């Protein structure tokens, strides 16, 4: 018994000696590993350097840039995005799944750690990011169970319409989308038309107004050529690139005409109140209607034309429809429901081009009778005639 105890003590003593002398060696190995790690981090690829420059240019702090490259979970997601989205030499629309290697959607929010938030809305957040080394916009739809069907419908409409309109000059370019996690990647434009007009109206030239209106008309033609109705045309849904070319955005309310029909039949009312055509007022409860809408809500191309009239007036006058009615849609609805031709009282513009546009395009577009509004093709003809008379 005593002999066994002594043997155990000898074994423990030997182990202590081994550990005592091994510790410095282990420390040296750790130092070597750390040196190798530091050496490895000093080697920065050209791609990483370019990405760092892009991020700093976009306004990220140095701490945020370091976070971009330091956290393992973020690195994995960046790697996956590069594989699926960024390495896209053919520049085609890509369907991708950013987070398919991750078990739960909480990883979604780690993506946003290195995206700069642009705006936040009820249905989606908008972030600035990178695509093929260029700046882009990520629309990340919110994971809301109560709005699941609505968000699914808006997301699908956005993707389907932009896919069909791909390559159109005055429509925002779709770069990719993630069906599972409801993420859309779009080209990034510099300005929003609403902000641009408010900030620059005093210096905008007639030539610039001509260009903006021409872009608008062409964008709606591109949609109507394909029997697509936007249903939410307003200054907020038009953006401008560096060359001040207008691009239409936000196709969540858009629809495509049914075959052999001149209208879309939707299950819910859509659009923005102030730019909503008067014939749709009953859809949102501002006009009495005998129709219970069990057969759906009908939307026509003429509704886009009405909205266009107010946007063009905004470009030539600097005054939006919300300014005119002091941000009170009930008041606007009351005026139009009484059949009052408010457009006859719109202020004249202080140049010949603006007045010609007001009388020959804006007022016909805002006709209370939808059947009397011109088509986009007729408007383009009138616009060409006005421009030729200006020359």
Protein backbone atom coordinates (compact mmCIF):
# COMPACT_ATOMS: atom_id res chain seq x y z
CA UNK A 1 0.00 0.00 0.00
CA UNK A 2 2.76 2.47 1.02
CA UNK A 3 4.75 1.39 -2.06
CA UNK A 4 1.78 2.25 -4.33
CA UNK A 5 1.41 5.71 -2.79
CA UNK A 6 5.11 6.41 -3.32
CA UNK A 7 4.83 5.34 -6.98
CA UNK A 8 1.88 7.71 -7.52
CA UNK A 9 3.86 10.60 -5.95
CA UNK A 10 6.83 9.88 -8.25
CA UNK A 11 4.54 9.95 -11.33
CA UNK A 12 2.96 13.25 -10.26
CA UNK A 13 6.41 14.73 -9.58
CA UNK A 14 7.64 13.71 -13.07
CA UNK A 15 4.57 15.23 -14.69
CA UNK A 16 5.13 18.52 -12.87
CA UNK A 17 8.75 18.62 -14.07
CA UNK A 18 7.66 17.94 -17.67
CA UNK A 19 5.04 20.69 -17.54
CA UNK A 20 7.52 23.13 -15.95
CA UNK A 21 10.05 22.71 -18.78
CA UNK A 22 7.42 22.39 -21.55
CA UNK A 23 5.69 25.70 -20.77
CA UNK A 24 8.39 27.99 -22.27
CA UNK A 25 8.43 25.80 -25.36
CA UNK A 26 4.64 26.10 -25.69
CA UNK A 27 4.95 29.86 -25.26
CA UNK A 28 7.53 29.99 -28.03
CA UNK A 29 5.20 28.04 -30.31
CA UNK A 30 2.36 30.44 -29.53
CA UNK A 31 4.63 33.39 -30.30
CA UNK A 32 5.60 31.79 -33.61
CA UNK A 33 1.95 31.21 -34.46
CA UNK A 34 1.11 34.79 -33.52
CA UNK A 35 3.97 36.09 -35.66
CA UNK A 36 2.80 33.98 -38.57
CA UNK A 37 -0.74 35.28 -38.06
CA UNK A 38 0.50 38.88 -38.00
CA UNK A 39 2.59 38.25 -41.06
CA UNK A 40 -0.45 36.73 -42.79
CA UNK A 41 -2.60 39.77 -41.93
CA UNK A 42 0.07 42.11 -43.27
CA UNK A 43 -0.42 40.54 -46.68
CA UNK A 44 -3.44 42.39 -48.06
CA UNK A 45 -4.79 41.41 -51.45
CA UNK A 46 -5.44 43.96 -54.15
CA UNK A 47 -9.15 43.13 -53.92
CA UNK A 48 -9.17 43.87 -50.18
CA UNK A 49 -7.33 47.17 -50.67
CA UNK A 50 -9.85 48.24 -53.31
CA UNK A 51 -12.76 47.22 -51.10
CA UNK A 52 -11.30 49.16 -48.17
CA UNK A 53 -11.00 52.27 -50.35
CA UNK A 54 -14.59 51.86 -51.55
CA UNK A 55 -15.91 51.50 -48.00
CA UNK A 56 -14.00 54.57 -46.78
CA UNK A 57 -15.22 56.52 -49.80
CA UNK A 58 -18.79 55.55 -48.89
CA UNK A 59 -18.33 57.11 -45.44
CA UNK A 60 -17.54 54.12 -43.22
CA UNK A 61 -15.30 54.73 -40.18
CA UNK A 62 -11.98 52.89 -39.88
CA UNK A 63 -13.50 50.80 -37.08
CA UNK A 64 -16.36 49.71 -39.37
CA UNK A 65 -13.92 48.86 -42.14
CA UNK A 66 -11.87 46.73 -39.73
CA UNK A 67 -15.06 45.00 -38.62
CA UNK A 68 -15.77 44.23 -42.26
CA UNK A 69 -12.56 42.20 -42.52
CA UNK A 70 -12.09 40.95 -38.97
CA UNK A 71 -15.15 39.05 -37.82
CA UNK A 72 -15.22 35.46 -38.97
CA UNK A 73 -18.99 35.32 -39.49
CA UNK A 74 -18.91 38.44 -41.63
CA UNK A 75 -15.97 37.13 -43.64
CA UNK A 76 -17.92 33.99 -44.46
CA UNK A 77 -20.86 35.99 -45.70
CA UNK A 78 -18.64 38.33 -47.72
CA UNK A 79 -16.95 35.33 -49.28
CA UNK A 80 -20.28 33.82 -50.19
CA UNK A 81 -21.59 37.06 -51.63
CA UNK A 82 -18.45 37.42 -53.72
CA UNK A 83 -18.83 33.89 -55.04
CA UNK A 84 -22.50 34.24 -55.90
CA UNK A 85 -23.00 37.92 -56.68
CA UNK A 86 -19.81 39.88 -57.15
CA UNK A 87 -18.04 37.54 -59.56
CA UNK A 88 -20.52 38.20 -62.34
CA UNK A 89 -18.63 39.07 -65.54
CA UNK A 90 -21.71 38.61 -67.75
CA UNK A 91 -23.59 41.21 -65.70
CA UNK A 92 -26.78 39.14 -65.73
CA UNK A 93 -29.60 39.12 -63.20
CA UNK A 94 -28.64 36.57 -60.58
CA UNK A 95 -30.86 34.63 -58.24
CA UNK A 96 -28.80 33.93 -55.15
CA UNK A 97 -29.12 32.84 -51.56
CA UNK A 98 -26.75 34.87 -49.44
CA UNK A 99 -27.34 32.88 -46.27
CA UNK A 100 -28.00 29.34 -47.49
CA UNK A 101 -25.01 28.02 -45.50
CA UNK A 102 -26.33 29.44 -42.25
CA UNK A 103 -28.87 27.79 -40.03
CA UNK A 104 -31.08 30.75 -39.08
CA UNK A 105 -32.08 34.19 -40.27
CA UNK A 106 -30.36 35.96 -37.40
CA UNK A 107 -27.31 35.89 -39.68
CA UNK A 108 -29.21 38.30 -41.90
CA UNK A 109 -28.47 41.10 -39.50
CA UNK A 110 -24.75 40.40 -39.64
CA UNK A 111 -24.91 41.34 -43.30
CA UNK A 112 -26.20 44.77 -42.30
CA UNK A 113 -23.15 45.34 -40.08
CA UNK A 114 -21.13 46.27 -43.15
CA UNK A 115 -23.92 47.91 -45.18
CA UNK A 116 -24.65 51.58 -44.71
CA UNK A 117 -28.36 52.19 -44.06
CA UNK A 118 -29.94 54.68 -46.46
CA UNK A 119 -33.54 54.63 -45.27
CA UNK A 120 -35.99 52.54 -43.29
CA UNK A 121 -39.63 51.97 -44.17
CA UNK A 122 -42.57 49.89 -43.04
CA UNK A 123 -41.79 46.99 -45.36
CA UNK A 124 -38.07 47.14 -46.03
CA UNK A 125 -34.77 48.73 -45.11
CA UNK A 126 -32.53 50.16 -47.80
CA UNK A 127 -28.75 49.83 -47.52
CA UNK A 128 -25.80 50.99 -49.59
CA UNK A 129 -23.29 48.26 -50.44
CA UNK A 130 -20.95 47.00 -53.14
CA UNK A 131 -21.52 44.95 -56.28
CA UNK A 132 -18.64 43.98 -58.58
CA UNK A 133 -16.64 46.69 -56.83
CA UNK A 134 -19.29 49.31 -57.62
CA UNK A 135 -21.75 50.93 -55.24
CA UNK A 136 -25.22 49.39 -55.18
CA UNK A 137 -28.39 49.34 -53.09
CA UNK A 138 -29.71 46.41 -51.07
CA UNK A 139 -33.47 46.28 -50.38
CA UNK A 140 -33.88 43.98 -47.38
CA UNK A 141 -37.53 43.18 -46.70
CA UNK A 142 -38.50 42.86 -43.06
CA UNK A 143 -39.27 39.44 -41.60
CA UNK A 144 -42.78 40.24 -40.36
CA UNK A 145 -45.13 37.26 -39.95
CA UNK A 146 -48.22 39.47 -39.88
CA UNK A 147 -47.30 41.05 -43.23
CA UNK A 148 -45.90 37.87 -44.78
CA UNK A 149 -48.38 37.66 -47.68
CA UNK A 150 -48.16 41.38 -48.46
CA UNK A 151 -44.36 41.41 -48.38
CA UNK A 152 -44.22 38.27 -50.53
CA UNK A 153 -46.48 39.92 -53.10
CA UNK A 154 -44.50 43.19 -53.16
CA UNK A 155 -41.18 41.36 -53.39
CA UNK A 156 -42.37 39.14 -56.25
CA UNK A 157 -43.82 42.12 -58.11
CA UNK A 158 -40.55 44.03 -57.77
CA UNK A 159 -38.44 41.12 -59.04
CA UNK A 160 -40.80 40.06 -61.84
CA UNK A 161 -41.38 43.54 -63.24
CA UNK A 162 -37.72 44.57 -63.08
CA UNK A 163 -36.70 41.30 -64.71
CA UNK A 164 -39.07 41.97 -67.60
CA UNK A 165 -37.89 45.59 -67.85
CA UNK A 166 -34.20 44.69 -67.70
CA UNK A 167 -32.17 46.67 -70.20
CA UNK A 168 -34.64 49.57 -70.37
CA UNK A 169 -32.90 52.94 -70.37
CA UNK A 170 -35.05 54.66 -67.74
CA UNK A 171 -35.77 51.76 -65.39
CA UNK A 172 -33.55 50.94 -62.40
CA UNK A 173 -31.27 47.99 -63.08
CA UNK A 174 -31.83 44.77 -61.15
CA UNK A 175 -28.50 43.14 -60.27
CA UNK A 176 -29.66 40.18 -58.19
CA UNK A 177 -32.13 38.91 -55.63
CA UNK A 178 -32.45 36.41 -52.81
CA UNK A 179 -35.90 34.80 -52.94
CA UNK A 180 -35.57 32.98 -49.62
CA UNK A 181 -34.51 35.93 -47.49
CA UNK A 182 -36.25 38.65 -49.51
CA UNK A 183 -33.23 40.71 -50.57
CA UNK A 184 -33.01 42.69 -53.82
CA UNK A 185 -29.80 44.27 -55.17
CA UNK A 186 -30.15 47.30 -57.46
CA UNK A 187 -27.83 49.77 -59.12
CA UNK A 188 -27.28 52.86 -57.00
CA UNK A 189 -28.25 56.30 -58.24
CA UNK A 190 -27.07 59.58 -56.84
CA UNK A 191 -30.26 61.64 -56.38
CA UNK A 192 -33.96 61.32 -55.65
CA UNK A 193 -36.04 63.48 -58.04
CA UNK A 194 -38.05 65.04 -55.21
CA UNK A 195 -34.96 66.18 -53.30
CA UNK A 196 -33.16 67.22 -56.48
CA UNK A 197 -35.95 69.54 -57.63
CA UNK A 198 -36.46 71.11 -54.19
CA UNK A 199 -32.73 71.79 -53.80
CA UNK A 200 -31.97 72.96 -57.34
CA UNK A 201 -35.16 74.51 -58.73
CA UNK A 202 -33.70 78.01 -58.74
CA UNK A 203 -30.82 76.94 -61.00
CA UNK A 204 -32.41 74.26 -63.20
CA UNK A 205 -32.36 75.30 -66.85
CA UNK A 206 -35.08 74.74 -69.46
CA UNK A 207 -32.75 72.28 -71.18
CA UNK A 208 -32.47 70.25 -67.97
CA UNK A 209 -36.26 70.28 -67.57
CA UNK A 210 -36.61 69.05 -71.15
CA UNK A 211 -34.20 66.22 -70.43
CA UNK A 212 -35.95 65.19 -67.20
CA UNK A 213 -39.39 65.15 -68.84
CA UNK A 214 -38.06 63.25 -71.85
CA UNK A 215 -36.62 60.62 -69.50
CA UNK A 216 -39.96 60.32 -67.64
CA UNK A 217 -41.95 59.89 -70.83
CA UNK A 218 -39.55 57.27 -72.15
CA UNK A 219 -39.61 55.34 -68.86
CA UNK A 220 -43.42 55.13 -68.86
CA UNK A 221 -43.36 54.19 -72.57
CA UNK A 222 -40.95 51.35 -71.73
CA UNK A 223 -43.44 50.09 -69.13
CA UNK A 224 -46.61 50.57 -71.19
CA UNK A 225 -44.96 48.97 -74.24
CA UNK A 226 -44.79 45.80 -72.15
CA UNK A 227 -48.30 46.29 -70.72
CA UNK A 228 -46.88 47.04 -67.26
CA UNK A 229 -48.67 49.61 -65.09
CA UNK A 230 -46.51 51.14 -62.35
CA UNK A 231 -49.38 52.29 -60.07
CA UNK A 232 -47.17 54.46 -57.84
CA UNK A 233 -45.62 57.15 -60.02
CA UNK A 234 -44.38 60.09 -57.94
CA UNK A 235 -41.13 62.06 -57.52
CA UNK A 236 -40.02 59.80 -54.65
CA UNK A 237 -40.05 56.83 -57.04
CA UNK A 238 -37.71 58.38 -59.58
CA UNK A 239 -33.97 58.59 -59.06
CA UNK A 240 -31.20 60.23 -61.06
CA UNK A 241 -27.75 58.89 -61.85
CA UNK A 242 -24.56 60.95 -62.21
CA UNK A 243 -25.66 62.01 -65.72
CA UNK A 244 -29.05 63.18 -64.35
CA UNK A 245 -30.81 60.41 -66.23
CA UNK A 246 -34.09 59.40 -64.56
CA UNK A 247 -34.64 55.79 -63.49
CA UNK A 248 -38.02 54.57 -62.24
CA UNK A 249 -37.92 52.56 -59.01
CA UNK A 250 -40.29 50.80 -56.58
CA UNK A 251 -42.33 48.30 -58.58
CA UNK A 252 -43.97 46.72 -55.53
CA UNK A 253 -47.42 47.97 -56.64
CA UNK A 254 -46.87 47.34 -60.36
CA UNK A 255 -48.96 44.89 -62.37
CA UNK A 256 -49.13 43.47 -65.86
CA UNK A 257 -52.27 43.65 -67.98
CA UNK A 258 -54.24 40.44 -68.28
CA UNK A 259 -54.40 39.05 -71.79
CA UNK A 260 -57.04 40.77 -73.95
CA UNK A 261 -57.86 43.22 -71.12
CA UNK A 262 -57.05 46.90 -70.67
CA UNK A 263 -56.84 46.73 -66.88
CA UNK A 264 -55.15 44.83 -64.04
CA UNK A 265 -57.35 43.22 -61.43
CA UNK A 266 -55.76 43.50 -57.97
CA UNK A 267 -56.97 42.11 -54.65
CA UNK A 268 -55.99 45.25 -52.68
CA UNK A 269 -55.95 48.99 -53.45
CA UNK A 270 -52.46 50.38 -54.22
CA UNK A 271 -50.77 53.72 -54.86
CA UNK A 272 -49.94 56.95 -53.02
CA UNK A 273 -52.90 59.16 -52.16
CA UNK A 274 -51.86 62.51 -53.66
CA UNK A 275 -50.84 60.96 -56.98
CA UNK A 276 -53.82 58.61 -57.10
CA UNK A 277 -56.18 59.14 -60.05
CA UNK A 278 -59.66 60.38 -58.94
CA UNK A 279 -61.37 57.26 -60.33
CA UNK A 280 -59.50 55.27 -57.66
CA UNK A 281 -60.66 57.42 -54.71
CA UNK A 282 -63.46 54.98 -53.94
CA UNK A 283 -60.84 52.25 -53.56
CA UNK A 284 -59.38 54.03 -50.53
CA UNK A 285 -62.65 55.17 -49.00
CA UNK A 286 -62.75 58.81 -50.16
CA UNK A 287 -65.69 58.32 -52.52
CA UNK A 288 -68.87 56.37 -52.01
CA UNK A 289 -69.20 53.36 -54.27
CA UNK A 290 -71.93 50.86 -55.01
CA UNK A 291 -69.22 48.33 -55.80
CA UNK A 292 -68.18 46.08 -52.89
CA UNK A 293 -64.96 45.18 -54.77
CA UNK A 294 -65.50 41.45 -54.35
CA UNK A 295 -64.30 41.13 -57.94
CA UNK A 296 -61.10 43.09 -57.18
CA UNK A 297 -59.74 46.56 -57.91
CA UNK A 298 -59.21 47.58 -61.53
CA UNK A 299 -56.18 49.64 -62.55
CA UNK A 300 -55.56 51.17 -65.98
CA UNK A 301 -52.66 52.80 -67.83
CA UNK A 302 -54.58 56.09 -67.62
CA UNK A 303 -53.92 56.08 -63.86
CA UNK A 304 -50.18 56.28 -64.57
CA UNK A 305 -50.84 59.19 -66.94
CA UNK A 306 -52.67 61.14 -64.23
CA UNK A 307 -49.78 60.66 -61.77
CA UNK A 308 -47.33 61.67 -64.49
CA UNK A 309 -49.16 64.99 -64.92
CA UNK A 310 -48.45 66.00 -61.33
CA UNK A 311 -44.78 64.95 -61.55
CA UNK A 312 -44.24 66.98 -64.74
CA UNK A 313 -45.90 69.99 -63.10
CA UNK A 314 -43.49 69.58 -60.18
CA UNK A 315 -40.49 69.66 -62.57
CA UNK A 316 -41.59 72.82 -64.38
CA UNK A 317 -42.92 74.72 -61.34
CA UNK A 318 -41.02 73.41 -58.30
CA UNK A 319 -44.38 72.88 -56.55
CA UNK A 320 -45.63 69.40 -55.73
CA UNK A 321 -49.27 68.39 -55.42
CA UNK A 322 -48.76 68.02 -51.66
CA UNK A 323 -47.64 71.67 -51.54
CA UNK A 324 -50.74 72.79 -53.44
CA UNK A 325 -53.14 71.03 -51.08
CA UNK A 326 -51.08 71.71 -47.94
CA UNK A 327 -50.53 68.02 -47.37
CA UNK A 328 -54.26 67.34 -46.88
CA UNK A 329 -55.45 64.51 -49.09
CA UNK A 330 -59.05 64.62 -47.75
CA UNK A 331 -59.24 68.24 -48.95
CA UNK A 332 -57.85 67.29 -52.35
CA UNK A 333 -60.30 64.38 -52.65
CA UNK A 334 -63.21 66.67 -51.71
CA UNK A 335 -62.24 69.22 -54.38
CA UNK A 336 -61.96 66.62 -57.12
CA UNK A 337 -65.03 64.67 -56.05
CA UNK A 338 -67.06 67.83 -56.59
CA UNK A 339 -65.82 67.85 -60.17
CA UNK A 340 -63.95 71.11 -59.71
CA UNK A 341 -61.39 71.67 -62.45
CA UNK A 342 -58.59 72.69 -60.11
CA UNK A 343 -55.98 72.37 -62.86
CA UNK A 344 -57.37 75.48 -64.58
CA UNK A 345 -56.07 77.49 -61.65
CA UNK A 346 -52.52 76.15 -61.74
CA UNK A 347 -50.09 79.05 -61.84
CA UNK A 348 -48.50 79.91 -65.14
CA UNK A 349 -44.82 79.17 -65.56
CA UNK A 350 -42.37 82.03 -66.15
CA UNK A 351 -41.05 80.67 -69.45
CA UNK A 352 -42.62 79.67 -72.79
CA UNK A 353 -41.50 76.04 -72.60
CA UNK A 354 -43.03 75.57 -69.15
CA UNK A 355 -46.35 77.15 -70.18
CA UNK A 356 -46.56 75.00 -73.32
CA UNK A 357 -45.96 71.90 -71.20
CA UNK A 358 -48.57 73.04 -68.66
CA UNK A 359 -51.30 73.68 -71.24
CA UNK A 360 -50.60 70.89 -73.73
CA UNK A 361 -49.43 68.05 -71.47
CA UNK A 362 -50.03 68.62 -67.75
CA UNK A 363 -53.68 69.71 -67.95
CA UNK A 364 -54.74 66.92 -70.35
CA UNK A 365 -52.96 64.35 -68.12
CA UNK A 366 -54.90 65.63 -65.08
CA UNK A 367 -58.29 65.37 -66.78
CA UNK A 368 -60.86 64.09 -64.28
CA UNK A 369 -62.29 61.81 -66.96
CA UNK A 370 -59.80 58.97 -67.42
CA UNK A 371 -61.00 58.23 -70.96
CA UNK A 372 -60.09 61.76 -72.07
CA UNK A 373 -56.47 61.54 -70.92
CA UNK A 374 -53.86 61.12 -73.66
CA UNK A 375 -51.82 57.93 -73.99
CA UNK A 376 -48.09 58.03 -73.37
CA UNK A 377 -47.55 57.80 -77.13
CA UNK A 378 -49.68 60.90 -77.78
CA UNK A 379 -47.87 62.78 -75.00
CA UNK A 380 -44.50 61.97 -76.60
CA UNK A 381 -45.75 63.36 -79.93
CA UNK A 382 -46.91 66.59 -78.25
CA UNK A 383 -43.61 66.86 -76.36
CA UNK A 384 -41.63 66.56 -79.61
CA UNK A 385 -43.75 69.27 -81.21
CA UNK A 386 -43.19 71.60 -78.25
CA UNK A 387 -39.42 71.02 -78.40
CA UNK A 388 -39.28 71.61 -82.16
CA UNK A 389 -41.17 74.89 -81.76
CA UNK A 390 -38.67 75.90 -79.06
CA UNK A 391 -35.81 75.37 -81.54
